């Protein structure tokens, strides 16, 4: 919950003009969302820090069927890309440990670790 007492939706949040992404990473100094919509490039979609350790990005290029991960970084490490299941969007995880906006399993994407 946020300081205002409102529950924040986490993970992938599809909407009419793309997908919003939110993750809880309180120790991160920066977080990016990477995926099939940006060639798994960690510099293209940096997330903005919100209150309570949450990070958010709105990505117009993302859509249903895209695979994604979050890429957190702090002062001690550059994180491995990770997934966070969403309560608001259809998602799947499997041996690839990528989340998807569709209920389909995909081959493993390139990883940062």
Protein backbone atom coordinates (compact mmCIF):
# COMPACT_ATOMS: atom_id res chain seq x y z
CA UNK A 1 0.00 0.00 0.00
CA UNK A 2 1.06 3.57 -0.54
CA UNK A 3 1.26 6.20 2.18
CA UNK A 4 -2.22 7.31 1.15
CA UNK A 5 -3.56 3.83 1.96
CA UNK A 6 -4.31 2.98 -1.68
CA UNK A 7 -3.25 -0.42 -3.00
CA UNK A 8 -0.83 -0.17 -5.93
CA UNK A 9 -1.06 -2.67 -8.76
CA UNK A 10 2.30 -4.35 -9.41
CA UNK A 11 3.79 -6.00 -12.50
CA UNK A 12 2.45 -5.35 -15.99
CA UNK A 13 -0.62 -3.12 -16.30
CA UNK A 14 -1.98 -3.11 -19.88
CA UNK A 15 -3.93 -0.04 -20.98
CA UNK A 16 -5.18 1.52 -24.22
CA UNK A 17 -1.87 3.21 -25.12
CA UNK A 18 0.68 0.59 -24.03
CA UNK A 19 1.65 -1.06 -20.76
CA UNK A 20 2.51 0.38 -17.37
CA UNK A 21 5.08 -1.53 -15.32
CA UNK A 22 5.48 -1.31 -11.54
CA UNK A 23 7.87 -3.19 -9.28
CA UNK A 24 8.83 -2.96 -5.61
CA UNK A 25 12.61 -2.57 -5.32
CA UNK A 26 13.33 -0.50 -2.18
CA UNK A 27 17.13 -1.02 -2.30
CA UNK A 28 17.49 -0.12 -5.97
CA UNK A 29 19.15 3.09 -7.13
CA UNK A 30 17.61 2.63 -10.56
CA UNK A 31 15.41 0.10 -12.33
CA UNK A 32 14.69 -0.45 -16.01
CA UNK A 33 12.09 -2.60 -17.70
CA UNK A 34 13.53 -4.74 -20.50
CA UNK A 35 11.79 -7.03 -22.92
CA UNK A 36 10.94 -8.14 -26.40
CA UNK A 37 9.51 -4.64 -27.07
CA UNK A 38 12.96 -2.98 -26.66
CA UNK A 39 15.43 -5.69 -27.65
CA UNK A 40 16.20 -6.42 -23.95
CA UNK A 41 18.08 -3.10 -23.76
CA UNK A 42 18.45 -1.77 -20.21
CA UNK A 43 18.84 1.90 -21.12
CA UNK A 44 15.70 2.45 -23.20
CA UNK A 45 12.97 2.33 -20.53
CA UNK A 46 14.23 3.53 -17.14
CA UNK A 47 11.60 3.46 -14.41
CA UNK A 48 10.73 6.41 -12.16
CA UNK A 49 11.00 6.07 -8.39
CA UNK A 50 7.68 6.32 -6.56
CA UNK A 51 6.97 6.29 -2.83
CA UNK A 52 7.52 3.23 -0.62
CA UNK A 53 10.22 1.67 -2.82
CA UNK A 54 8.03 1.30 -5.90
CA UNK A 55 9.26 2.02 -9.43
CA UNK A 56 7.04 2.75 -12.46
CA UNK A 57 7.39 3.13 -16.24
CA UNK A 58 4.78 3.58 -18.94
CA UNK A 59 5.89 1.90 -22.18
CA UNK A 60 3.90 2.72 -25.31
CA UNK A 61 5.83 0.12 -27.35
CA UNK A 62 4.83 -2.80 -25.09
CA UNK A 63 1.70 -4.85 -25.58
CA UNK A 64 -0.01 -8.16 -24.97
CA UNK A 65 2.30 -11.01 -25.97
CA UNK A 66 5.53 -9.21 -25.11
CA UNK A 67 8.00 -10.78 -22.69
CA UNK A 68 9.58 -8.63 -20.00
CA UNK A 69 11.82 -8.48 -16.94
CA UNK A 70 12.86 -5.79 -14.48
CA UNK A 71 16.55 -4.85 -14.28
CA UNK A 72 17.39 -3.31 -10.87
CA UNK A 73 20.71 -1.68 -9.98
CA UNK A 74 22.03 -0.43 -6.64
CA UNK A 75 25.42 0.67 -5.30
CA UNK A 76 26.55 -2.89 -4.51
CA UNK A 77 25.47 -4.71 -7.68
CA UNK A 78 23.97 -4.51 -11.10
CA UNK A 79 21.05 -6.86 -10.78
CA UNK A 80 20.09 -9.84 -12.81
CA UNK A 81 16.86 -9.27 -14.64
CA UNK A 82 13.91 -10.54 -12.64
CA UNK A 83 10.20 -11.03 -13.03
CA UNK A 84 7.40 -10.01 -10.73
CA UNK A 85 4.02 -11.68 -11.21
CA UNK A 86 1.20 -9.24 -11.77
CA UNK A 87 -2.19 -9.43 -10.16
CA UNK A 88 -3.72 -7.27 -12.90
CA UNK A 89 -2.51 -8.85 -16.13
CA UNK A 90 -2.31 -12.34 -17.51
CA UNK A 91 1.23 -13.60 -17.02
CA UNK A 92 3.20 -16.77 -17.10
CA UNK A 93 6.57 -17.84 -15.81
CA UNK A 94 8.43 -20.98 -16.59
CA UNK A 95 11.93 -22.24 -17.20
CA UNK A 96 12.72 -18.96 -18.93
CA UNK A 97 11.79 -16.93 -15.82
CA UNK A 98 10.39 -14.22 -18.05
CA UNK A 99 6.94 -12.85 -17.52
CA UNK A 100 4.62 -12.44 -20.45
CA UNK A 101 1.45 -10.51 -21.07
CA UNK A 102 -0.07 -13.63 -22.61
CA UNK A 103 -0.56 -17.17 -21.35
CA UNK A 104 2.11 -18.59 -23.64
CA UNK A 105 5.60 -19.95 -22.92
CA UNK A 106 8.47 -18.48 -24.93
CA UNK A 107 12.09 -19.47 -25.56
CA UNK A 108 14.63 -17.91 -23.24
CA UNK A 109 15.58 -14.30 -24.08
CA UNK A 110 19.08 -12.92 -23.67
CA UNK A 111 19.88 -12.18 -20.04
CA UNK A 112 22.16 -9.69 -18.33
CA UNK A 113 23.59 -12.33 -15.97
